[in-house]
């Protein structure tokens, strides 16, 4: 097979129908006919939207017949697609984690950790219209020396980019270290005991290191200015996690999610993370180099 978008979507559809959806043991509730677009087709359409760089759903549904119509002859209207996508957030998260579990690099006892801001509006007026209070707030982006209104996405990834843990937090109400402890409180996000987490100096702190040691995890970070530097920190790994975040923002349009309510925001972020994991998973099983760039799927 060629590592192109068609074979990726077909492989993902088969994984959803044969493994992921049956393992969830959930049935569609309520009377009525079965939907003309199945949940597996919906998730594949969402992945195709992200990989083909259509952040706007209206533009995507207009372009979909020409781009992927040979695979999906039945499409949805924009309101129905939006509603179904929000309802499928849990399924997309299950698919994301299943793909991660079936990617070889996740067996390694090493994780990279970093947080990144996800803006949700440029002004307080936009914030009021978005109905995201509680999820979003004012925060400071240290890397770009700017303030933003939005949420903060915390990521746990392997060295080649597979996302194994993630979570959102209000940057005004929750600090980074507090967010990580909340993230690791979920068993789904917790790396295997004995793993090493590589992060930046912002996660320094004795209490934080002790809390992670209680979970059998080791923190590896660069030394602060007031600490002796042993010179063993792998800066090249820090560059990798920055490249992963750039892929999410530059190629998968993470910052242009368009979410205005909590369920919509969560679904669109999970959609982008699923697209990245799907590309890496497909590369592994297709004998292709595992690249954080998604150019091979931009056909």
Protein backbone atom coordinates (compact mmCIF):
# COMPACT_ATOMS: atom_id res chain seq x y z
CA UNK A 1 0.00 0.00 0.00
CA UNK A 2 0.98 3.62 -0.49
CA UNK A 3 1.06 5.94 2.50
CA UNK A 4 -1.63 8.27 1.18
CA UNK A 5 -4.85 9.60 2.59
CA UNK A 6 -7.13 6.98 1.00
CA UNK A 7 -5.33 4.00 2.51
CA UNK A 8 -5.13 5.75 5.89
CA UNK A 9 -8.89 6.35 5.95
CA UNK A 10 -9.65 2.79 4.85
CA UNK A 11 -7.35 1.35 7.52
CA UNK A 12 -8.89 3.61 10.17
CA UNK A 13 -12.42 2.64 9.12
CA UNK A 14 -11.57 -1.05 9.44
CA UNK A 15 -10.02 -0.50 12.89
CA UNK A 16 -13.12 1.40 14.03
CA UNK A 17 -15.61 -1.19 12.75
CA UNK A 18 -13.66 -4.30 13.82
CA UNK A 19 -12.00 -3.23 17.08
CA UNK A 20 -12.72 0.20 18.54
CA UNK A 21 -16.52 0.47 18.30
CA UNK A 22 -17.24 -3.17 19.32
CA UNK A 23 -14.97 -2.77 22.38
CA UNK A 24 -17.03 0.20 23.61
CA UNK A 25 -20.15 -1.98 24.01
CA UNK A 26 -22.52 0.92 23.51
CA UNK A 27 -25.64 0.93 21.41
CA UNK A 28 -27.38 3.82 19.76
CA UNK A 29 -30.39 4.68 21.93
CA UNK A 30 -33.84 5.64 20.79
CA UNK A 31 -36.23 4.57 18.05
CA UNK A 32 -35.91 5.41 14.38
CA UNK A 33 -33.89 4.40 11.37
CA UNK A 34 -30.14 3.99 11.45
CA UNK A 35 -28.23 7.13 10.40
CA UNK A 36 -27.17 7.27 6.77
CA UNK A 37 -23.60 8.09 7.89
CA UNK A 38 -22.30 5.63 10.48
CA UNK A 39 -20.16 6.61 13.45
CA UNK A 40 -17.10 5.02 11.81
CA UNK A 41 -17.66 7.06 8.64
CA UNK A 42 -18.16 10.21 10.71
CA UNK A 43 -14.84 9.76 12.53
CA UNK A 44 -13.02 9.10 9.25
CA UNK A 45 -14.57 12.24 7.76
CA UNK A 46 -13.38 14.23 10.79
CA UNK A 47 -9.83 12.90 10.36
CA UNK A 48 -9.90 13.70 6.65
CA UNK A 49 -11.05 17.25 7.44
CA UNK A 50 -8.08 17.78 9.75
CA UNK A 51 -5.49 16.20 7.45
CA UNK A 52 -6.73 18.12 4.42
CA UNK A 53 -6.56 21.39 6.40
CA UNK A 54 -10.18 22.52 6.41
CA UNK A 55 -10.70 24.15 9.82
CA UNK A 56 -14.07 25.56 8.74
CA UNK A 57 -16.79 22.90 8.58
CA UNK A 58 -18.82 24.81 5.98
CA UNK A 59 -15.87 24.87 3.55
CA UNK A 60 -15.07 21.24 4.33
CA UNK A 61 -18.53 19.92 3.53
CA UNK A 62 -18.52 21.83 0.25
CA UNK A 63 -15.13 20.39 -0.72
CA UNK A 64 -15.67 16.86 0.64
CA UNK A 65 -17.50 15.44 -2.43
CA UNK A 66 -14.54 16.30 -4.64
CA UNK A 67 -11.83 15.37 -2.11
CA UNK A 68 -13.19 12.18 -0.50
CA UNK A 69 -16.50 11.59 -2.28
CA UNK A 70 -15.22 8.35 -3.83
CA UNK A 71 -14.91 6.94 -0.26
CA UNK A 72 -17.94 8.62 1.35
CA UNK A 73 -20.85 8.94 -1.10
CA UNK A 74 -23.20 9.94 1.76
CA UNK A 75 -22.47 13.21 3.56
CA UNK A 76 -24.21 15.29 6.22
CA UNK A 77 -25.52 18.83 6.33
CA UNK A 78 -23.46 21.29 8.33
CA UNK A 79 -25.80 21.42 11.39
CA UNK A 80 -26.01 17.62 11.54
CA UNK A 81 -22.27 17.21 11.04
CA UNK A 82 -21.60 19.69 13.83
CA UNK A 83 -24.04 17.95 16.19
CA UNK A 84 -22.79 14.45 15.38
CA UNK A 85 -19.16 15.52 15.75
CA UNK A 86 -19.77 16.84 19.27
CA UNK A 87 -21.60 13.64 20.20
CA UNK A 88 -18.70 11.54 18.83
CA UNK A 89 -16.03 13.16 21.04
CA UNK A 90 -15.83 10.12 23.34
CA UNK A 91 -15.55 7.76 20.38
CA UNK A 92 -12.75 9.87 18.87
CA UNK A 93 -10.93 9.84 22.21
CA UNK A 94 -11.26 6.05 22.40
CA UNK A 95 -9.95 5.79 18.84
CA UNK A 96 -7.05 8.11 19.64
CA UNK A 97 -6.01 5.97 22.61
CA UNK A 98 -6.50 2.67 20.74
CA UNK A 99 -4.22 3.90 17.95
CA UNK A 100 -1.64 4.99 20.52
CA UNK A 101 -1.74 1.56 22.22
CA UNK A 102 -1.12 -0.09 18.84
CA UNK A 103 1.85 2.11 17.96
CA UNK A 104 5.17 0.49 19.04
CA UNK A 105 6.76 3.62 20.52
CA UNK A 106 4.20 3.79 23.33
CA UNK A 107 5.88 0.77 24.96
CA UNK A 108 9.00 2.87 25.64
CA UNK A 109 9.36 4.22 29.23
CA UNK A 110 9.81 7.79 28.02
CA UNK A 111 7.35 10.64 27.65
CA UNK A 112 7.72 14.27 26.62
CA UNK A 113 5.46 16.77 28.36
CA UNK A 114 4.56 20.33 27.50
CA UNK A 115 1.62 22.70 27.53
CA UNK A 116 0.47 25.05 24.82
CA UNK A 117 -2.16 27.80 24.76
CA UNK A 118 -5.25 27.31 22.63
CA UNK A 119 -6.87 30.73 22.06
CA UNK A 120 -10.67 30.80 22.03
CA UNK A 121 -11.30 34.44 21.18
CA UNK A 122 -9.53 37.74 20.75
CA UNK A 123 -11.65 39.84 23.10
CA UNK A 124 -13.97 39.64 26.10
CA UNK A 125 -16.92 40.29 23.78
CA UNK A 126 -16.00 37.20 21.78
CA UNK A 127 -15.54 35.35 25.05
CA UNK A 128 -19.10 36.15 26.17
CA UNK A 129 -20.50 34.90 22.87
CA UNK A 130 -18.50 31.68 23.02
CA UNK A 131 -20.00 30.42 26.33
CA UNK A 132 -16.64 29.01 27.40
CA UNK A 133 -16.35 30.64 30.82
CA UNK A 134 -14.95 28.14 33.27
CA UNK A 135 -13.05 26.33 30.54
CA UNK A 136 -11.20 29.37 29.25
CA UNK A 137 -9.61 32.42 30.84
CA UNK A 138 -6.76 34.88 30.48
CA UNK A 139 -3.31 33.34 30.44
CA UNK A 140 0.25 34.27 29.50
CA UNK A 141 2.09 32.60 26.65
CA UNK A 142 5.69 32.70 27.86
CA UNK A 143 7.16 31.46 24.58
CA UNK A 144 5.67 34.33 22.56
CA UNK A 145 5.53 36.93 25.36
CA UNK A 146 1.83 37.58 24.95
CA UNK A 147 -1.44 37.31 26.83
CA UNK A 148 -4.32 35.33 25.39
CA UNK A 149 -7.90 34.39 26.22
CA UNK A 150 -8.46 30.69 25.90
CA UNK A 151 -7.54 27.34 27.39
CA UNK A 152 -4.27 25.49 27.93
CA UNK A 153 -3.70 22.07 26.37
CA UNK A 154 -1.28 19.80 28.24
CA UNK A 155 0.25 16.95 26.24
CA UNK A 156 2.08 13.72 27.05
CA UNK A 157 3.70 12.32 23.91
CA UNK A 158 6.25 9.73 22.85
CA UNK A 159 9.52 10.77 21.26
CA UNK A 160 8.12 10.23 17.75
CA UNK A 161 4.91 12.17 18.39
CA UNK A 162 2.19 9.73 19.44
CA UNK A 163 -0.14 11.40 21.95
CA UNK A 164 -0.75 9.22 25.00
CA UNK A 165 -2.20 11.76 27.43
CA UNK A 166 -3.86 15.16 27.20
CA UNK A 167 -6.14 17.53 29.06
CA UNK A 168 -7.53 21.08 29.04
CA UNK A 169 -7.47 23.60 31.86
CA UNK A 170 -8.32 27.23 32.47
CA UNK A 171 -4.91 28.99 32.59
CA UNK A 172 -6.22 31.62 35.02
CA UNK A 173 -7.53 29.11 37.57
CA UNK A 174 -5.14 26.16 37.25
CA UNK A 175 -1.34 26.28 37.26
CA UNK A 176 0.73 24.04 35.01
CA UNK A 177 1.94 21.71 37.75
CA UNK A 178 -1.57 21.44 39.19
CA UNK A 179 -2.88 20.66 35.72
CA UNK A 180 -0.31 17.87 35.25
CA UNK A 181 -1.24 16.26 38.57
CA UNK A 182 -4.90 16.36 37.55
CA UNK A 183 -3.97 14.95 34.14
CA UNK A 184 -2.09 12.01 35.66
CA UNK A 185 -4.94 11.32 38.07
CA UNK A 186 -6.77 9.77 35.12
CA UNK A 187 -5.52 6.22 34.59
CA UNK A 188 -5.83 6.62 30.82
CA UNK A 189 -3.14 9.33 30.84
CA UNK A 190 -0.76 7.68 33.30
CA UNK A 191 2.47 6.30 31.76
CA UNK A 192 3.72 2.90 32.86
CA UNK A 193 5.57 2.80 36.22
CA UNK A 194 9.25 3.58 35.90
CA UNK A 195 8.79 6.00 33.01
CA UNK A 196 10.76 9.23 32.70
CA UNK A 197 8.96 12.46 31.82
CA UNK A 198 11.05 15.09 30.03
CA UNK A 199 9.75 18.63 30.56
CA UNK A 200 10.96 22.22 30.82
CA UNK A 201 12.15 24.14 33.86
CA UNK A 202 8.67 25.51 34.49
CA UNK A 203 7.83 22.21 36.16
CA UNK A 204 10.55 22.60 38.78
CA UNK A 205 9.57 22.07 42.39
CA UNK A 206 10.29 19.59 45.14
CA UNK A 207 6.62 18.90 45.92
CA UNK A 208 5.89 18.30 42.23
CA UNK A 209 8.79 15.84 41.88
CA UNK A 210 7.70 14.00 45.04
CA UNK A 211 4.11 13.76 43.77
CA UNK A 212 5.28 12.17 40.51
CA UNK A 213 7.70 9.91 42.37
CA UNK A 214 4.66 8.61 44.25
CA UNK A 215 3.34 7.45 40.86
CA UNK A 216 6.71 5.78 40.07
CA UNK A 217 7.57 8.50 37.54
CA UNK A 218 10.85 10.43 37.21
CA UNK A 219 11.00 14.08 36.13
CA UNK A 220 13.88 15.16 33.91
CA UNK A 221 14.14 18.91 33.31
CA UNK A 222 16.83 21.53 32.65
CA UNK A 223 18.43 23.20 35.64
CA UNK A 224 17.20 26.62 36.74
CA UNK A 225 19.55 29.57 37.05
CA UNK A 226 19.88 29.05 40.80
CA UNK A 227 20.77 25.35 40.42
CA UNK A 228 24.00 23.64 39.34
CA UNK A 229 23.72 22.33 35.78
CA UNK A 230 24.97 18.73 35.44
CA UNK A 231 24.76 19.05 31.67
CA UNK A 232 22.76 15.86 31.09
CA UNK A 233 19.45 17.31 29.94
CA UNK A 234 18.52 16.08 26.41
CA UNK A 235 17.70 19.38 24.71
CA UNK A 236 17.08 17.58 21.42
CA UNK A 237 14.06 15.90 23.00
CA UNK A 238 12.66 19.29 23.94
CA UNK A 239 12.96 20.26 20.28
CA UNK A 240 10.89 17.21 19.38
CA UNK A 241 7.94 18.15 21.57
CA UNK A 242 8.07 21.67 20.13
CA UNK A 243 7.93 20.15 16.63
CA UNK A 244 4.89 18.07 17.64
CA UNK A 245 3.08 21.16 18.90
CA UNK A 246 4.01 23.02 15.71
CA UNK A 247 2.48 20.19 13.67
CA UNK A 248 -0.77 20.48 15.63
CA UNK A 249 -0.89 24.25 15.24
CA UNK A 250 0.70 24.77 11.84
CA UNK A 251 -0.66 21.82 9.87
CA UNK A 252 -3.75 20.70 11.78
CA UNK A 253 -4.97 24.22 12.65
CA UNK A 254 -5.35 23.59 16.37
CA UNK A 255 -5.71 27.31 17.08
CA UNK A 256 -8.48 27.68 14.47
CA UNK A 257 -10.81 25.13 16.03
CA UNK A 258 -13.93 27.31 15.93
CA UNK A 259 -15.37 25.85 19.14
CA UNK A 260 -17.85 28.12 20.97
CA UNK A 261 -19.18 25.78 23.64
CA UNK A 262 -17.28 23.31 25.86
CA UNK A 263 -18.44 20.20 24.00
CA UNK A 264 -17.55 21.75 20.64
CA UNK A 265 -14.13 22.86 21.85
CA UNK A 266 -13.34 19.43 23.28
CA UNK A 267 -14.51 17.59 20.15
CA UNK A 268 -12.46 19.75 17.79
CA UNK A 269 -9.28 19.43 19.85
CA UNK A 270 -9.69 15.65 20.10
CA UNK A 271 -10.30 15.61 16.33
CA UNK A 272 -6.85 17.17 15.70
CA UNK A 273 -5.10 14.86 18.16
CA UNK A 274 -6.75 11.84 16.59
CA UNK A 275 -5.61 12.91 13.12
CA UNK A 276 -1.98 13.11 14.30
CA UNK A 277 -2.11 9.69 15.99
CA UNK A 278 -3.79 8.16 12.95
CA UNK A 279 -1.03 9.39 10.65
CA UNK A 280 1.75 8.08 12.92
CA UNK A 281 -0.06 4.75 13.47
CA UNK A 282 -0.53 4.28 9.73
CA UNK A 283 3.11 5.09 9.02
CA UNK A 284 4.23 2.45 11.53
CA UNK A 285 2.03 -0.28 10.07
CA UNK A 286 2.85 0.72 6.51
CA UNK A 287 6.61 0.63 6.83
CA UNK A 288 6.94 4.38 6.27
CA UNK A 289 9.26 6.74 8.17
CA UNK A 290 7.50 8.13 11.23
CA UNK A 291 7.48 11.86 10.54
CA UNK A 292 5.77 14.58 12.54
CA UNK A 293 5.15 16.36 9.24
CA UNK A 294 1.86 15.32 7.63
CA UNK A 295 2.80 16.37 4.09
CA UNK A 296 2.32 12.79 2.84
CA UNK A 297 -1.40 13.08 3.65
CA UNK A 298 -2.01 16.55 2.18
CA UNK A 299 -2.67 15.21 -1.34
